[in-house]
């Protein structure tokens, strides 16, 4: 690139099931930024003695917190969800994602995020869509999981 920008910015999204890994990666990122600033300051007026040199500044703003954590494979909530799925003939699979379950899991509590039926696509884009067909099945699944967790069905 053949330009000298007045400003630059970036957003970095750090996610992991490991709180240690999140902290390690954040420290690595902060260290890399600090090192780059020191290197650029070291260049100083060596490169362009006749050009005025602006002072470099950085600002790091945390815009979200997605804490790490992971359920044990034999967690009660997963056993119940699997039993409900078997009863309903549903083939669900466990996957990791950034959901409302992150906070309770990071606090050592069992939590899951499940779909409420229907179908969708294009998540987080302007083309995101949702079709409610099959919603009744999703709601039935949620109700059975909640009742089983409450000890009302076995």
C-alpha atoms as a PDB file:
ATOM      1  CA  UNK A   1       0.000   0.000   0.000  1.00  0.00           C
ATOM      2  CA  UNK A   2       1.286   3.391  -0.847  1.00  0.00           C
ATOM      3  CA  UNK A   3      -0.518   5.584   1.669  1.00  0.00           C
ATOM      4  CA  UNK A   4      -0.181   6.924   5.176  1.00  0.00           C
ATOM      5  CA  UNK A   5      -3.562   6.560   6.894  1.00  0.00           C
ATOM      6  CA  UNK A   6      -4.670   9.026   9.549  1.00  0.00           C
ATOM      7  CA  UNK A   7      -6.253   6.242  11.533  1.00  0.00           C
ATOM      8  CA  UNK A   8      -6.824   2.516  11.475  1.00  0.00           C
ATOM      9  CA  UNK A   9      -8.984   0.186  13.501  1.00  0.00           C
ATOM     10  CA  UNK A  10      -9.683  -3.496  13.873  1.00  0.00           C
ATOM     11  CA  UNK A  11     -12.028  -5.725  15.786  1.00  0.00           C
ATOM     12  CA  UNK A  12     -10.854  -9.040  17.160  1.00  0.00           C
ATOM     13  CA  UNK A  13     -13.294 -11.647  18.420  1.00  0.00           C
ATOM     14  CA  UNK A  14     -11.619 -14.156  20.732  1.00  0.00           C
ATOM     15  CA  UNK A  15     -13.650 -17.267  21.536  1.00  0.00           C
ATOM     16  CA  UNK A  16     -12.764 -20.563  23.173  1.00  0.00           C
ATOM     17  CA  UNK A  17     -14.238 -23.111  25.551  1.00  0.00           C
ATOM     18  CA  UNK A  18     -11.157 -22.494  27.711  1.00  0.00           C
ATOM     19  CA  UNK A  19     -11.115 -19.367  29.913  1.00  0.00           C
ATOM     20  CA  UNK A  20      -7.333 -19.808  30.188  1.00  0.00           C
ATOM     21  CA  UNK A  21      -6.974 -19.801  26.398  1.00  0.00           C
ATOM     22  CA  UNK A  22      -9.111 -16.667  26.038  1.00  0.00           C
ATOM     23  CA  UNK A  23      -6.953 -14.862  28.588  1.00  0.00           C
ATOM     24  CA  UNK A  24      -3.742 -16.111  26.970  1.00  0.00           C
ATOM     25  CA  UNK A  25      -4.824 -14.970  23.511  1.00  0.00           C
ATOM     26  CA  UNK A  26      -5.887 -11.556  24.805  1.00  0.00           C
ATOM     27  CA  UNK A  27      -2.502 -11.095  26.482  1.00  0.00           C
ATOM     28  CA  UNK A  28      -0.737 -12.170  23.268  1.00  0.00           C
ATOM     29  CA  UNK A  29      -2.775  -9.675  21.246  1.00  0.00           C
ATOM     30  CA  UNK A  30      -2.071  -6.832  23.669  1.00  0.00           C
ATOM     31  CA  UNK A  31       1.644  -7.737  23.643  1.00  0.00           C
ATOM     32  CA  UNK A  32       1.745  -7.765  19.841  1.00  0.00           C
ATOM     33  CA  UNK A  33       0.119  -4.319  19.695  1.00  0.00           C
ATOM     34  CA  UNK A  34       2.547  -2.976  22.278  1.00  0.00           C
ATOM     35  CA  UNK A  35       5.519  -4.422  20.390  1.00  0.00           C
ATOM     36  CA  UNK A  36       4.319  -2.939  17.088  1.00  0.00           C
ATOM     37  CA  UNK A  37       3.959   0.484  18.717  1.00  0.00           C
ATOM     38  CA  UNK A  38       7.474   0.284  20.171  1.00  0.00           C
ATOM     39  CA  UNK A  39       8.922  -0.782  16.810  1.00  0.00           C
ATOM     40  CA  UNK A  40       7.162   2.039  15.008  1.00  0.00           C
ATOM     41  CA  UNK A  41       8.308   4.556  17.625  1.00  0.00           C
ATOM     42  CA  UNK A  42      11.861   3.210  17.185  1.00  0.00           C
ATOM     43  CA  UNK A  43      11.739   3.999  13.489  1.00  0.00           C
ATOM     44  CA  UNK A  44      10.950   7.578  14.392  1.00  0.00           C
ATOM     45  CA  UNK A  45      12.338  10.054  11.963  1.00  0.00           C
ATOM     46  CA  UNK A  46      14.806   7.585  10.441  1.00  0.00           C
ATOM     47  CA  UNK A  47      12.599   6.875   7.423  1.00  0.00           C
ATOM     48  CA  UNK A  48      11.213  10.300   6.557  1.00  0.00           C
ATOM     49  CA  UNK A  49      13.286  13.002   8.200  1.00  0.00           C
ATOM     50  CA  UNK A  50      11.580  15.821   6.319  1.00  0.00           C
ATOM     51  CA  UNK A  51       8.005  14.675   7.025  1.00  0.00           C
ATOM     52  CA  UNK A  52       6.177  15.702  10.193  1.00  0.00           C
ATOM     53  CA  UNK A  53       5.630  12.729  12.458  1.00  0.00           C
ATOM     54  CA  UNK A  54       2.314  12.192  14.225  1.00  0.00           C
ATOM     55  CA  UNK A  55       2.256  10.667  17.669  1.00  0.00           C
ATOM     56  CA  UNK A  56       0.946   7.094  17.614  1.00  0.00           C
ATOM     57  CA  UNK A  57      -1.810   6.123  20.007  1.00  0.00           C
ATOM     58  CA  UNK A  58      -3.706   2.941  20.684  1.00  0.00           C
ATOM     59  CA  UNK A  59      -6.945   2.301  22.454  1.00  0.00           C
ATOM     60  CA  UNK A  60      -8.256  -1.134  23.312  1.00  0.00           C
ATOM     61  CA  UNK A  61     -11.959  -1.326  24.050  1.00  0.00           C
ATOM     62  CA  UNK A  62     -13.576  -4.574  25.109  1.00  0.00           C
ATOM     63  CA  UNK A  63     -16.951  -4.650  23.353  1.00  0.00           C
ATOM     64  CA  UNK A  64     -18.163  -8.035  24.541  1.00  0.00           C
ATOM     65  CA  UNK A  65     -17.371 -10.916  26.815  1.00  0.00           C
ATOM     66  CA  UNK A  66     -17.984 -14.467  25.743  1.00  0.00           C
ATOM     67  CA  UNK A  67     -16.691 -16.487  28.660  1.00  0.00           C
ATOM     68  CA  UNK A  68     -15.315 -19.964  28.131  1.00  0.00           C
ATOM     69  CA  UNK A  69     -16.608 -23.198  29.523  1.00  0.00           C
ATOM     70  CA  UNK A  70     -17.824 -26.582  28.458  1.00  0.00           C
ATOM     71  CA  UNK A  71     -20.421 -29.073  29.636  1.00  0.00           C
ATOM     72  CA  UNK A  72     -19.322 -32.521  30.664  1.00  0.00           C
ATOM     73  CA  UNK A  73     -20.485 -35.115  28.089  1.00  0.00           C
ATOM     74  CA  UNK A  74     -22.565 -36.813  30.806  1.00  0.00           C
ATOM     75  CA  UNK A  75     -24.210 -33.596  32.093  1.00  0.00           C
ATOM     76  CA  UNK A  76     -27.769 -34.154  33.334  1.00  0.00           C
ATOM     77  CA  UNK A  77     -29.190 -31.499  31.034  1.00  0.00           C
ATOM     78  CA  UNK A  78     -27.622 -33.221  28.006  1.00  0.00           C
ATOM     79  CA  UNK A  79     -28.886 -36.628  29.137  1.00  0.00           C
ATOM     80  CA  UNK A  80     -32.417 -35.226  29.387  1.00  0.00           C
ATOM     81  CA  UNK A  81     -32.228 -33.479  26.009  1.00  0.00           C
ATOM     82  CA  UNK A  82     -30.963 -36.721  24.429  1.00  0.00           C
ATOM     83  CA  UNK A  83     -33.759 -38.739  26.075  1.00  0.00           C
ATOM     84  CA  UNK A  84     -36.400 -36.277  24.826  1.00  0.00           C
ATOM     85  CA  UNK A  85     -34.870 -36.395  21.349  1.00  0.00           C
ATOM     86  CA  UNK A  86     -34.937 -40.204  21.391  1.00  0.00           C
ATOM     87  CA  UNK A  87     -38.596 -40.121  22.503  1.00  0.00           C
ATOM     88  CA  UNK A  88     -39.498 -37.698  19.704  1.00  0.00           C
ATOM     89  CA  UNK A  89     -37.336 -39.407  17.080  1.00  0.00           C
ATOM     90  CA  UNK A  90     -35.256 -36.255  16.687  1.00  0.00           C
ATOM     91  CA  UNK A  91     -31.629 -36.427  15.591  1.00  0.00           C
ATOM     92  CA  UNK A  92     -29.921 -33.500  17.303  1.00  0.00           C
ATOM     93  CA  UNK A  93     -26.200 -32.958  17.687  1.00  0.00           C
ATOM     94  CA  UNK A  94     -24.121 -31.061  20.229  1.00  0.00           C
ATOM     95  CA  UNK A  95     -22.150 -28.139  18.909  1.00  0.00           C
ATOM     96  CA  UNK A  96     -20.281 -25.247  20.439  1.00  0.00           C
ATOM     97  CA  UNK A  97     -21.393 -21.700  19.759  1.00  0.00           C
ATOM     98  CA  UNK A  98     -21.699 -18.305  21.346  1.00  0.00           C
ATOM     99  CA  UNK A  99     -25.140 -18.422  23.003  1.00  0.00           C
ATOM    100  CA  UNK A 100     -27.008 -17.373  26.109  1.00  0.00           C
ATOM    101  CA  UNK A 101     -25.670 -20.576  27.707  1.00  0.00           C
ATOM    102  CA  UNK A 102     -22.101 -19.192  27.847  1.00  0.00           C
ATOM    103  CA  UNK A 103     -22.578 -17.229  31.081  1.00  0.00           C
ATOM    104  CA  UNK A 104     -24.117 -20.008  33.217  1.00  0.00           C
ATOM    105  CA  UNK A 105     -21.631 -22.551  31.855  1.00  0.00           C
ATOM    106  CA  UNK A 106     -18.736 -20.230  32.753  1.00  0.00           C
ATOM    107  CA  UNK A 107     -20.172 -20.116  36.296  1.00  0.00           C
ATOM    108  CA  UNK A 108     -20.136 -23.917  36.521  1.00  0.00           C
ATOM    109  CA  UNK A 109     -23.844 -24.416  35.834  1.00  0.00           C
ATOM    110  CA  UNK A 110     -25.379 -26.731  33.306  1.00  0.00           C
ATOM    111  CA  UNK A 111     -26.999 -24.873  30.419  1.00  0.00           C
ATOM    112  CA  UNK A 112     -27.834 -25.454  26.789  1.00  0.00           C
ATOM    113  CA  UNK A 113     -29.265 -23.407  23.963  1.00  0.00           C
ATOM    114  CA  UNK A 114     -31.742 -25.219  21.747  1.00  0.00           C
ATOM    115  CA  UNK A 115     -33.703 -24.272  18.693  1.00  0.00           C
ATOM    116  CA  UNK A 116     -37.405 -23.531  18.915  1.00  0.00           C
ATOM    117  CA  UNK A 117     -38.353 -25.221  15.670  1.00  0.00           C
ATOM    118  CA  UNK A 118     -38.705 -23.859  12.202  1.00  0.00           C
ATOM    119  CA  UNK A 119     -35.892 -23.365   9.755  1.00  0.00           C
ATOM    120  CA  UNK A 120     -33.644 -20.472   8.944  1.00  0.00           C
ATOM    121  CA  UNK A 121     -30.499 -19.387   7.202  1.00  0.00           C
ATOM    122  CA  UNK A 122     -28.184 -16.498   6.471  1.00  0.00           C
ATOM    123  CA  UNK A 123     -27.634 -15.851  10.177  1.00  0.00           C
ATOM    124  CA  UNK A 124     -26.205 -12.425  11.046  1.00  0.00           C
ATOM    125  CA  UNK A 125     -26.530 -11.145   7.471  1.00  0.00           C
ATOM    126  CA  UNK A 126     -28.987  -8.906   5.641  1.00  0.00           C
ATOM    127  CA  UNK A 127     -30.267 -12.085   3.961  1.00  0.00           C
ATOM    128  CA  UNK A 128     -31.191 -13.790   7.261  1.00  0.00           C
ATOM    129  CA  UNK A 129     -34.518 -15.605   7.054  1.00  0.00           C
ATOM    130  CA  UNK A 130     -36.826 -17.774   9.192  1.00  0.00           C
ATOM    131  CA  UNK A 131     -39.690 -20.100   8.287  1.00  0.00           C
ATOM    132  CA  UNK A 132     -42.018 -21.141  11.128  1.00  0.00           C
ATOM    133  CA  UNK A 133     -42.910 -24.503   9.552  1.00  0.00           C
ATOM    134  CA  UNK A 134     -42.113 -27.182  12.167  1.00  0.00           C
ATOM    135  CA  UNK A 135     -42.294 -24.732  15.059  1.00  0.00           C
ATOM    136  CA  UNK A 136     -44.801 -26.878  16.977  1.00  0.00           C
ATOM    137  CA  UNK A 137     -42.262 -29.719  17.121  1.00  0.00           C
ATOM    138  CA  UNK A 138     -39.583 -27.395  18.490  1.00  0.00           C
ATOM    139  CA  UNK A 139     -41.910 -26.039  21.163  1.00  0.00           C
ATOM    140  CA  UNK A 140     -42.989 -29.581  22.128  1.00  0.00           C
ATOM    141  CA  UNK A 141     -39.309 -30.502  22.499  1.00  0.00           C
ATOM    142  CA  UNK A 142     -38.635 -27.472  24.705  1.00  0.00           C
ATOM    143  CA  UNK A 143     -41.661 -28.236  26.913  1.00  0.00           C
ATOM    144  CA  UNK A 144     -40.627 -31.873  27.408  1.00  0.00           C
ATOM    145  CA  UNK A 145     -37.033 -30.891  28.264  1.00  0.00           C
ATOM    146  CA  UNK A 146     -38.217 -28.293  30.796  1.00  0.00           C
ATOM    147  CA  UNK A 147     -40.724 -30.725  32.378  1.00  0.00           C
ATOM    148  CA  UNK A 148     -38.060 -33.436  32.637  1.00  0.00           C
ATOM    149  CA  UNK A 149     -35.593 -31.000  34.214  1.00  0.00           C
ATOM    150  CA  UNK A 150     -38.286 -30.022  36.733  1.00  0.00           C
ATOM    151  CA  UNK A 151     -38.896 -33.707  37.529  1.00  0.00           C
ATOM    152  CA  UNK A 152     -42.471 -33.651  36.181  1.00  0.00           C
ATOM    153  CA  UNK A 153     -41.942 -36.360  33.523  1.00  0.00           C
ATOM    154  CA  UNK A 154     -39.657 -39.334  33.385  1.00  0.00           C
END
